[in-house]
Amino acid sequence: MSASPFRGIHGAVVAHLGELIVRGDVAPGAALDSVKLEEELGVSRTVVREALRVLAAKGMVDARPKRGTLVRPREEWALLDADVLRWQAQNRADDAFLADLAEVRDIVEPAGARLAAARRTDADLSALRVAVERMADPDASVDAVVEADLAFHRALLAAGHNALLRQLEQVIATGLRARDLLVHGGDRQADSTPAHRAVLDAVTRGDADGAERAVRDLLAQADRDVRAITSGKESE
């Protein structure tokens, strides 16, 4: 079983089964054999039962009389659940997740940038500047660049000062981390620092239209980067 942020053997089993389902190792409609899982994982019936209950609460499985526990279709999962998001993000072969993430960002971030341009504080601008500076550091590691990118997008949504909008940060940040690790771990991505700086400049000026345009340009570049990586993966 892989490492998990959950505590103890129970949490490790939850994560293991969740990842199996997300990867498609167990197809929608297929049954999970509790007895077989006990034997394969070397855990008790109680641990397996409780793990399946957690996954059922996340919409990933459904217990049926006389049919056992069945895997539910992806569209029925609690896709905004933090664990489900993380499992999907960790599954880098999940192109559907990356496509969904891109669409959500296209809807949310341009509007968030408009709000940020109108409502940003000095503290918000400082957070954005620090993130861009860290992103531009030529000696920064891949992990440092990823963290700086995440910090920038968190700060951009936070600068809109809309409590509900900030709740979408988890969705964007979880997926963005997976996308960033995929892209920045390759050698074909363009330098995104100028595009981020253009967003910062527009927000600093209080230019809502300019901020929206800059974010759309940034997202277009992000989409090209992902396409370059995924097309290369398909050709291998």
C-alpha atoms as a PDB file:
ATOM      1  CA  MET A   1       0.000   0.000   0.000  1.00  0.00           C
ATOM      2  CA  SER A   2       1.222   3.493  -0.796  1.00  0.00           C
ATOM      3  CA  ALA A   3       1.962   6.207   1.749  1.00  0.00           C
ATOM      4  CA  SER A   4      -1.092   8.075   2.928  1.00  0.00           C
ATOM      5  CA  PRO A   5      -1.905  11.267   4.815  1.00  0.00           C
ATOM      6  CA  PHE A   6      -4.504   9.239   6.748  1.00  0.00           C
ATOM      7  CA  ARG A   7      -3.624   7.897  10.168  1.00  0.00           C
ATOM      8  CA  GLY A   8      -2.994   4.220  10.795  1.00  0.00           C
ATOM      9  CA  ILE A   9      -3.780   1.062   8.877  1.00  0.00           C
ATOM     10  CA  HIS A  10      -7.423   2.067   8.412  1.00  0.00           C
ATOM     11  CA  GLY A  11      -6.434   5.251   6.614  1.00  0.00           C
ATOM     12  CA  ALA A  12      -3.853   3.435   4.506  1.00  0.00           C
ATOM     13  CA  VAL A  13      -6.505   0.990   3.315  1.00  0.00           C
ATOM     14  CA  VAL A  14      -8.899   3.828   2.467  1.00  0.00           C
ATOM     15  CA  ALA A  15      -6.203   5.534   0.399  1.00  0.00           C
ATOM     16  CA  HIS A  16      -5.123   2.294  -1.280  1.00  0.00           C
ATOM     17  CA  LEU A  17      -8.665   1.408  -2.357  1.00  0.00           C
ATOM     18  CA  GLY A  18      -9.442   4.983  -3.390  1.00  0.00           C
ATOM     19  CA  GLU A  19      -6.366   5.070  -5.618  1.00  0.00           C
ATOM     20  CA  LEU A  20      -7.256   1.687  -7.149  1.00  0.00           C
ATOM     21  CA  ILE A  21     -10.681   2.999  -8.097  1.00  0.00           C
ATOM     22  CA  VAL A  22      -9.408   6.314  -9.452  1.00  0.00           C
ATOM     23  CA  ARG A  23      -6.799   4.556 -11.599  1.00  0.00           C
ATOM     24  CA  GLY A  24      -9.512   2.334 -13.040  1.00  0.00           C
ATOM     25  CA  ASP A  25      -7.964  -0.861 -11.688  1.00  0.00           C
ATOM     26  CA  VAL A  26     -11.473  -1.679 -10.505  1.00  0.00           C
ATOM     27  CA  ALA A  27     -13.969  -0.611 -13.148  1.00  0.00           C
ATOM     28  CA  PRO A  28     -17.330   1.066 -12.456  1.00  0.00           C
ATOM     29  CA  GLY A  29     -19.934  -1.596 -11.776  1.00  0.00           C
ATOM     30  CA  ALA A  30     -17.340  -4.136 -10.634  1.00  0.00           C
ATOM     31  CA  ALA A  31     -17.581  -5.639  -7.164  1.00  0.00           C
ATOM     32  CA  LEU A  32     -14.965  -5.311  -4.439  1.00  0.00           C
ATOM     33  CA  ASP A  33     -14.458  -8.678  -2.734  1.00  0.00           C
ATOM     34  CA  SER A  34     -14.103  -7.950   0.983  1.00  0.00           C
ATOM     35  CA  VAL A  35     -12.685 -11.370   1.795  1.00  0.00           C
ATOM     36  CA  LYS A  36     -10.104 -11.112  -0.979  1.00  0.00           C
ATOM     37  CA  LEU A  37      -9.152  -7.626   0.173  1.00  0.00           C
ATOM     38  CA  GLU A  38      -8.625  -8.884   3.728  1.00  0.00           C
ATOM     39  CA  GLU A  39      -6.253 -11.557   2.430  1.00  0.00           C
ATOM     40  CA  GLU A  40      -4.384  -9.326  -0.040  1.00  0.00           C
ATOM     41  CA  LEU A  41      -3.896  -6.456   2.382  1.00  0.00           C
ATOM     42  CA  GLY A  42      -3.402  -8.545   5.486  1.00  0.00           C
ATOM     43  CA  VAL A  43      -5.996  -6.630   7.492  1.00  0.00           C
ATOM     44  CA  SER A  44      -9.089  -7.516   9.458  1.00  0.00           C
ATOM     45  CA  ARG A  45     -12.651  -7.616   8.199  1.00  0.00           C
ATOM     46  CA  THR A  46     -13.439  -4.619  10.394  1.00  0.00           C
ATOM     47  CA  VAL A  47     -10.718  -2.502   8.755  1.00  0.00           C
ATOM     48  CA  VAL A  48     -11.947  -3.356   5.250  1.00  0.00           C
ATOM     49  CA  ARG A  49     -15.578  -2.743   6.226  1.00  0.00           C
ATOM     50  CA  GLU A  50     -14.797   0.670   7.712  1.00  0.00           C
ATOM     51  CA  ALA A  51     -12.665   1.635   4.700  1.00  0.00           C
ATOM     52  CA  LEU A  52     -15.510   0.777   2.341  1.00  0.00           C
ATOM     53  CA  ARG A  53     -17.871   2.869   4.460  1.00  0.00           C
ATOM     54  CA  VAL A  54     -15.567   5.867   4.032  1.00  0.00           C
ATOM     55  CA  LEU A  55     -15.478   5.343   0.268  1.00  0.00           C
ATOM     56  CA  ALA A  56     -19.259   4.968   0.207  1.00  0.00           C
ATOM     57  CA  ALA A  57     -19.580   8.338   1.957  1.00  0.00           C
ATOM     58  CA  LYS A  58     -17.446   9.787  -0.849  1.00  0.00           C
ATOM     59  CA  GLY A  59     -19.805   8.317  -3.432  1.00  0.00           C
ATOM     60  CA  MET A  60     -17.177   5.953  -4.826  1.00  0.00           C
ATOM     61  CA  VAL A  61     -18.775   2.641  -3.883  1.00  0.00           C
ATOM     62  CA  ASP A  62     -22.246   1.378  -3.103  1.00  0.00           C
ATOM     63  CA  ALA A  63     -23.202  -1.670  -1.022  1.00  0.00           C
ATOM     64  CA  ARG A  64     -25.930  -3.727  -2.687  1.00  0.00           C
ATOM     65  CA  PRO A  65     -27.814  -6.634  -1.058  1.00  0.00           C
ATOM     66  CA  LYS A  66     -26.689  -9.974  -2.521  1.00  0.00           C
ATOM     67  CA  ARG A  67     -24.350  -8.172  -4.956  1.00  0.00           C
ATOM     68  CA  GLY A  68     -21.704  -6.870  -2.598  1.00  0.00           C
ATOM     69  CA  THR A  69     -19.924  -3.528  -2.763  1.00  0.00           C
ATOM     70  CA  LEU A  70     -19.861  -2.082  -6.278  1.00  0.00           C
ATOM     71  CA  VAL A  71     -17.714   0.715  -7.688  1.00  0.00           C
ATOM     72  CA  ARG A  72     -19.833   3.679  -8.781  1.00  0.00           C
ATOM     73  CA  PRO A  73     -19.301   5.714 -11.979  1.00  0.00           C
ATOM     74  CA  ARG A  74     -16.938   8.677 -11.697  1.00  0.00           C
ATOM     75  CA  GLU A  75     -19.718  11.227 -12.222  1.00  0.00           C
ATOM     76  CA  GLU A  76     -21.352   9.984  -8.994  1.00  0.00           C
ATOM     77  CA  TRP A  77     -18.245  10.485  -6.844  1.00  0.00           C
ATOM     78  CA  ALA A  78     -17.915  13.429  -4.473  1.00  0.00           C
ATOM     79  CA  LEU A  79     -15.433  15.003  -6.870  1.00  0.00           C
ATOM     80  CA  LEU A  80     -14.814  18.043  -4.651  1.00  0.00           C
ATOM     81  CA  ASP A  81     -13.917  15.877  -1.653  1.00  0.00           C
ATOM     82  CA  ALA A  82     -10.315  16.624  -0.647  1.00  0.00           C
ATOM     83  CA  ASP A  83      -9.255  12.971  -0.751  1.00  0.00           C
ATOM     84  CA  VAL A  84     -10.936  12.258  -4.087  1.00  0.00           C
ATOM     85  CA  LEU A  85      -9.296  15.363  -5.538  1.00  0.00           C
ATOM     86  CA  ARG A  86      -5.890  14.264  -4.291  1.00  0.00           C
ATOM     87  CA  TRP A  87      -6.251  10.721  -5.628  1.00  0.00           C
ATOM     88  CA  GLN A  88      -7.242  12.043  -9.038  1.00  0.00           C
ATOM     89  CA  ALA A  89      -4.394  14.543  -9.016  1.00  0.00           C
ATOM     90  CA  GLN A  90      -1.896  11.802  -8.143  1.00  0.00           C
ATOM     91  CA  ASN A  91      -3.128   9.736 -11.088  1.00  0.00           C
ATOM     92  CA  ARG A  92      -1.278  11.627 -13.811  1.00  0.00           C
ATOM     93  CA  ALA A  93      -2.724   9.424 -16.537  1.00  0.00           C
ATOM     94  CA  ASP A  94      -6.164  10.883 -15.772  1.00  0.00           C
ATOM     95  CA  ASP A  95      -6.514  13.226 -18.744  1.00  0.00           C
ATOM     96  CA  ALA A  96     -10.215  13.672 -17.961  1.00  0.00           C
ATOM     97  CA  PHE A  97      -9.322  15.209 -14.606  1.00  0.00           C
ATOM     98  CA  LEU A  98      -6.838  17.610 -16.201  1.00  0.00           C
ATOM     99  CA  ALA A  99      -9.459  18.608 -18.789  1.00  0.00           C
ATOM    100  CA  ASP A 100     -12.058  19.205 -16.073  1.00  0.00           C
ATOM    101  CA  LEU A 101      -9.545  21.252 -14.103  1.00  0.00           C
ATOM    102  CA  ALA A 102      -8.793  23.413 -17.147  1.00  0.00           C
ATOM    103  CA  GLU A 103     -12.496  24.128 -17.650  1.00  0.00           C
ATOM    104  CA  VAL A 104     -13.014  25.056 -13.995  1.00  0.00           C
ATOM    105  CA  ARG A 105     -10.025  27.380 -14.110  1.00  0.00           C
ATOM    106  CA  ASP A 106     -11.338  29.003 -17.301  1.00  0.00           C
ATOM    107  CA  ILE A 107     -14.609  29.746 -15.498  1.00  0.00           C
ATOM    108  CA  VAL A 108     -13.273  30.791 -12.090  1.00  0.00           C
ATOM    109  CA  GLU A 109      -9.901  32.490 -12.439  1.00  0.00           C
ATOM    110  CA  PRO A 110     -10.703  35.238 -14.982  1.00  0.00           C
ATOM    111  CA  ALA A 111     -13.633  36.338 -12.800  1.00  0.00           C
ATOM    112  CA  GLY A 112     -11.425  36.055  -9.723  1.00  0.00           C
ATOM    113  CA  ALA A 113      -8.823  38.275 -11.366  1.00  0.00           C
ATOM    114  CA  ARG A 114     -11.452  40.957 -12.046  1.00  0.00           C
ATOM    115  CA  LEU A 115     -12.431  40.959  -8.387  1.00  0.00           C
ATOM    116  CA  ALA A 116      -8.787  41.020  -7.340  1.00  0.00           C
ATOM    117  CA  ALA A 117      -8.132  44.109  -9.473  1.00  0.00           C
ATOM    118  CA  ALA A 118     -11.018  45.890  -7.783  1.00  0.00           C
ATOM    119  CA  ARG A 119     -10.484  44.749  -4.199  1.00  0.00           C
ATOM    120  CA  ARG A 120      -6.792  43.923  -3.702  1.00  0.00           C
ATOM    121  CA  THR A 121      -5.004  45.269  -0.659  1.00  0.00           C
ATOM    122  CA  ASP A 122      -1.327  46.054  -0.192  1.00  0.00           C
ATOM    123  CA  ALA A 123      -0.951  42.713   1.569  1.00  0.00           C
ATOM    124  CA  ASP A 124      -2.533  40.909  -1.386  1.00  0.00           C
ATOM    125  CA  LEU A 125      -0.164  42.597  -3.829  1.00  0.00           C
ATOM    126  CA  SER A 126       2.792  41.730  -1.642  1.00  0.00           C
ATOM    127  CA  ALA A 127       1.810  38.052  -1.623  1.00  0.00           C
ATOM    128  CA  LEU A 128       1.472  38.051  -5.416  1.00  0.00           C
ATOM    129  CA  ARG A 129       4.840  39.766  -5.875  1.00  0.00           C
ATOM    130  CA  VAL A 130       6.641  37.345  -3.576  1.00  0.00           C
ATOM    131  CA  ALA A 131       5.171  34.392  -5.492  1.00  0.00           C
ATOM    132  CA  VAL A 132       6.294  35.811  -8.855  1.00  0.00           C
ATOM    133  CA  GLU A 133       9.785  36.527  -7.518  1.00  0.00           C
ATOM    134  CA  ARG A 134      10.133  32.970  -6.252  1.00  0.00           C
ATOM    135  CA  MET A 135       8.856  31.633  -9.558  1.00  0.00           C
ATOM    136  CA  ALA A 136      11.453  33.695 -11.427  1.00  0.00           C
ATOM    137  CA  ASP A 137      14.382  32.513  -9.302  1.00  0.00           C
ATOM    138  CA  PRO A 138      16.746  30.770 -11.761  1.00  0.00           C
ATOM    139  CA  ASP A 139      18.083  28.558  -8.969  1.00  0.00           C
ATOM    140  CA  ALA A 140      14.648  27.414  -7.800  1.00  0.00           C
ATOM    141  CA  SER A 141      13.937  23.682  -7.797  1.00  0.00           C
ATOM    142  CA  VAL A 142      10.912  22.202  -9.532  1.00  0.00           C
ATOM    143  CA  ASP A 143       9.187  21.830  -6.156  1.00  0.00           C
ATOM    144  CA  ALA A 144       9.905  25.469  -5.298  1.00  0.00           C
ATOM    145  CA  VAL A 145       8.480  26.667  -8.615  1.00  0.00           C
ATOM    146  CA  VAL A 146       5.372  24.542  -8.111  1.00  0.00           C
ATOM    147  CA  GLU A 147       4.855  25.937  -4.611  1.00  0.00           C
ATOM    148  CA  ALA A 148       5.344  29.499  -5.887  1.00  0.00           C
ATOM    149  CA  ASP A 149       2.777  28.919  -8.637  1.00  0.00           C
ATOM    150  CA  LEU A 150       0.284  27.547  -6.125  1.00  0.00           C
ATOM    151  CA  ALA A 151       0.930  30.512  -3.818  1.00  0.00           C
ATOM    152  CA  PHE A 152       0.282  32.936  -6.687  1.00  0.00           C
ATOM    153  CA  HIS A 153      -3.081  31.426  -7.604  1.00  0.00           C
ATOM    154  CA  ARG A 154      -4.149  31.179  -3.961  1.00  0.00           C
ATOM    155  CA  ALA A 155      -3.227  34.833  -3.461  1.00  0.00           C
ATOM    156  CA  LEU A 156      -5.096  35.837  -6.612  1.00  0.00           C
ATOM    157  CA  LEU A 157      -8.342  34.217  -5.425  1.00  0.00           C
ATOM    158  CA  ALA A 158      -7.814  35.558  -1.914  1.00  0.00           C
ATOM    159  CA  ALA A 159      -7.414  39.098  -3.311  1.00  0.00           C
ATOM    160  CA  GLY A 160     -11.025  38.966  -4.514  1.00  0.00           C
ATOM    161  CA  HIS A 161     -12.130  38.892  -0.857  1.00  0.00           C
ATOM    162  CA  ASN A 162     -15.058  36.594  -1.571  1.00  0.00           C
ATOM    163  CA  ALA A 163     -15.365  33.840   1.033  1.00  0.00           C
ATOM    164  CA  LEU A 164     -17.207  31.427  -1.274  1.00  0.00           C
ATOM    165  CA  LEU A 165     -14.744  31.943  -4.107  1.00  0.00           C
ATOM    166  CA  ARG A 166     -11.895  31.106  -1.756  1.00  0.00           C
ATOM    167  CA  GLN A 167     -13.500  27.731  -1.109  1.00  0.00           C
ATOM    168  CA  LEU A 168     -12.712  26.847  -4.721  1.00  0.00           C
ATOM    169  CA  GLU A 169      -9.037  27.285  -3.897  1.00  0.00           C
ATOM    170  CA  GLN A 170      -8.853  23.664  -2.743  1.00  0.00           C
ATOM    171  CA  VAL A 171     -10.152  22.386  -6.075  1.00  0.00           C
ATOM    172  CA  ILE A 172      -7.789  24.512  -8.120  1.00  0.00           C
ATOM    173  CA  ALA A 173      -4.742  24.070  -5.881  1.00  0.00           C
ATOM    174  CA  THR A 174      -5.013  20.279  -5.672  1.00  0.00           C
ATOM    175  CA  GLY A 175      -5.320  19.877  -9.414  1.00  0.00           C
ATOM    176  CA  LEU A 176      -2.822  22.618 -10.168  1.00  0.00           C
ATOM    177  CA  ARG A 177      -0.162  20.863  -8.115  1.00  0.00           C
ATOM    178  CA  ALA A 178      -0.538  17.708 -10.218  1.00  0.00           C
ATOM    179  CA  ARG A 179      -0.543  19.726 -13.435  1.00  0.00           C
ATOM    180  CA  ASP A 180       2.540  21.698 -12.353  1.00  0.00           C
ATOM    181  CA  LEU A 181       4.525  18.620 -11.368  1.00  0.00           C
ATOM    182  CA  LEU A 182       3.672  17.063 -14.719  1.00  0.00           C
ATOM    183  CA  VAL A 183       4.607  20.148 -16.737  1.00  0.00           C
ATOM    184  CA  HIS A 184       7.592  21.467 -14.766  1.00  0.00           C
ATOM    185  CA  GLY A 185       9.016  17.969 -14.542  1.00  0.00           C
ATOM    186  CA  GLY A 186       9.359  17.928 -18.335  1.00  0.00           C
ATOM    187  CA  ASP A 187      11.561  19.958 -20.613  1.00  0.00           C
ATOM    188  CA  ARG A 188       9.061  21.404 -23.080  1.00  0.00           C
ATOM    189  CA  GLN A 189       7.217  24.024 -21.068  1.00  0.00           C
ATOM    190  CA  ALA A 190       7.524  27.731 -21.741  1.00  0.00           C
ATOM    191  CA  ASP A 191       8.561  30.154 -18.998  1.00  0.00           C
ATOM    192  CA  SER A 192       5.298  31.169 -17.353  1.00  0.00           C
ATOM    193  CA  THR A 193       6.816  33.947 -15.223  1.00  0.00           C
ATOM    194  CA  PRO A 194       6.062  36.761 -17.746  1.00  0.00           C
ATOM    195  CA  ALA A 195       2.431  35.652 -17.975  1.00  0.00           C
ATOM    196  CA  HIS A 196       2.097  35.664 -14.187  1.00  0.00           C
ATOM    197  CA  ARG A 197       3.793  39.037 -14.002  1.00  0.00           C
ATOM    198  CA  ALA A 198       1.285  40.430 -16.527  1.00  0.00           C
ATOM    199  CA  VAL A 199      -1.541  39.356 -14.212  1.00  0.00           C
ATOM    200  CA  LEU A 200       0.206  40.979 -11.251  1.00  0.00           C
ATOM    201  CA  ASP A 201       0.750  44.225 -13.168  1.00  0.00           C
ATOM    202  CA  ALA A 202      -2.912  44.470 -14.193  1.00  0.00           C
ATOM    203  CA  VAL A 203      -4.141  43.716 -10.666  1.00  0.00           C
ATOM    204  CA  THR A 204      -1.712  46.301  -9.286  1.00  0.00           C
ATOM    205  CA  ARG A 205      -3.105  48.937 -11.686  1.00  0.00           C
ATOM    206  CA  GLY A 206      -6.659  48.044 -10.702  1.00  0.00           C
ATOM    207  CA  ASP A 207      -7.319  47.148 -14.353  1.00  0.00           C
ATOM    208  CA  ALA A 208     -10.106  44.551 -14.226  1.00  0.00           C
ATOM    209  CA  ASP A 209     -10.303  44.058 -18.000  1.00  0.00           C
ATOM    210  CA  GLY A 210      -6.533  43.762 -18.245  1.00  0.00           C
ATOM    211  CA  ALA A 211      -6.386  41.300 -15.353  1.00  0.00           C
ATOM    212  CA  GLU A 212      -8.999  39.108 -16.980  1.00  0.00           C
ATOM    213  CA  ARG A 213      -7.170  39.161 -20.326  1.00  0.00           C
ATOM    214  CA  ALA A 214      -3.852  38.383 -18.647  1.00  0.00           C
ATOM    215  CA  VAL A 215      -5.322  35.401 -16.790  1.00  0.00           C
ATOM    216  CA  ARG A 216      -6.892  34.080 -19.988  1.00  0.00           C
ATOM    217  CA  ASP A 217      -3.497  34.335 -21.695  1.00  0.00           C
ATOM    218  CA  LEU A 218      -1.896  32.522 -18.757  1.00  0.00           C
ATOM    219  CA  LEU A 219      -4.483  29.743 -18.890  1.00  0.00           C
ATOM    220  CA  ALA A 220      -4.011  29.388 -22.645  1.00  0.00           C
ATOM    221  CA  GLN A 221      -0.280  28.907 -22.091  1.00  0.00           C
ATOM    222  CA  ALA A 222      -1.000  26.366 -19.340  1.00  0.00           C
ATOM    223  CA  ASP A 223      -3.235  24.442 -21.728  1.00  0.00           C
ATOM    224  CA  ARG A 224      -0.510  24.407 -24.404  1.00  0.00           C
ATOM    225  CA  ASP A 225       2.017  23.118 -21.872  1.00  0.00           C
ATOM    226  CA  VAL A 226      -0.247  20.246 -20.816  1.00  0.00           C
ATOM    227  CA  ARG A 227      -1.035  19.370 -24.429  1.00  0.00           C
ATOM    228  CA  ALA A 228       2.673  19.262 -25.246  1.00  0.00           C
ATOM    229  CA  ILE A 229       3.314  16.844 -22.396  1.00  0.00           C
ATOM    230  CA  THR A 230       0.294  14.606 -22.977  1.00  0.00           C
ATOM    231  CA  SER A 231       0.839  14.432 -26.744  1.00  0.00           C
ATOM    232  CA  GLY A 232       4.428  13.425 -26.096  1.00  0.00           C
ATOM    233  CA  LYS A 233       3.239  10.756 -23.676  1.00  0.00           C
ATOM    234  CA  GLU A 234       0.837   9.359 -26.286  1.00  0.00           C
ATOM    235  CA  SER A 235       3.558   9.178 -28.941  1.00  0.00           C
ATOM    236  CA  GLU A 236       5.961   7.231 -26.736  1.00  0.00           C
END
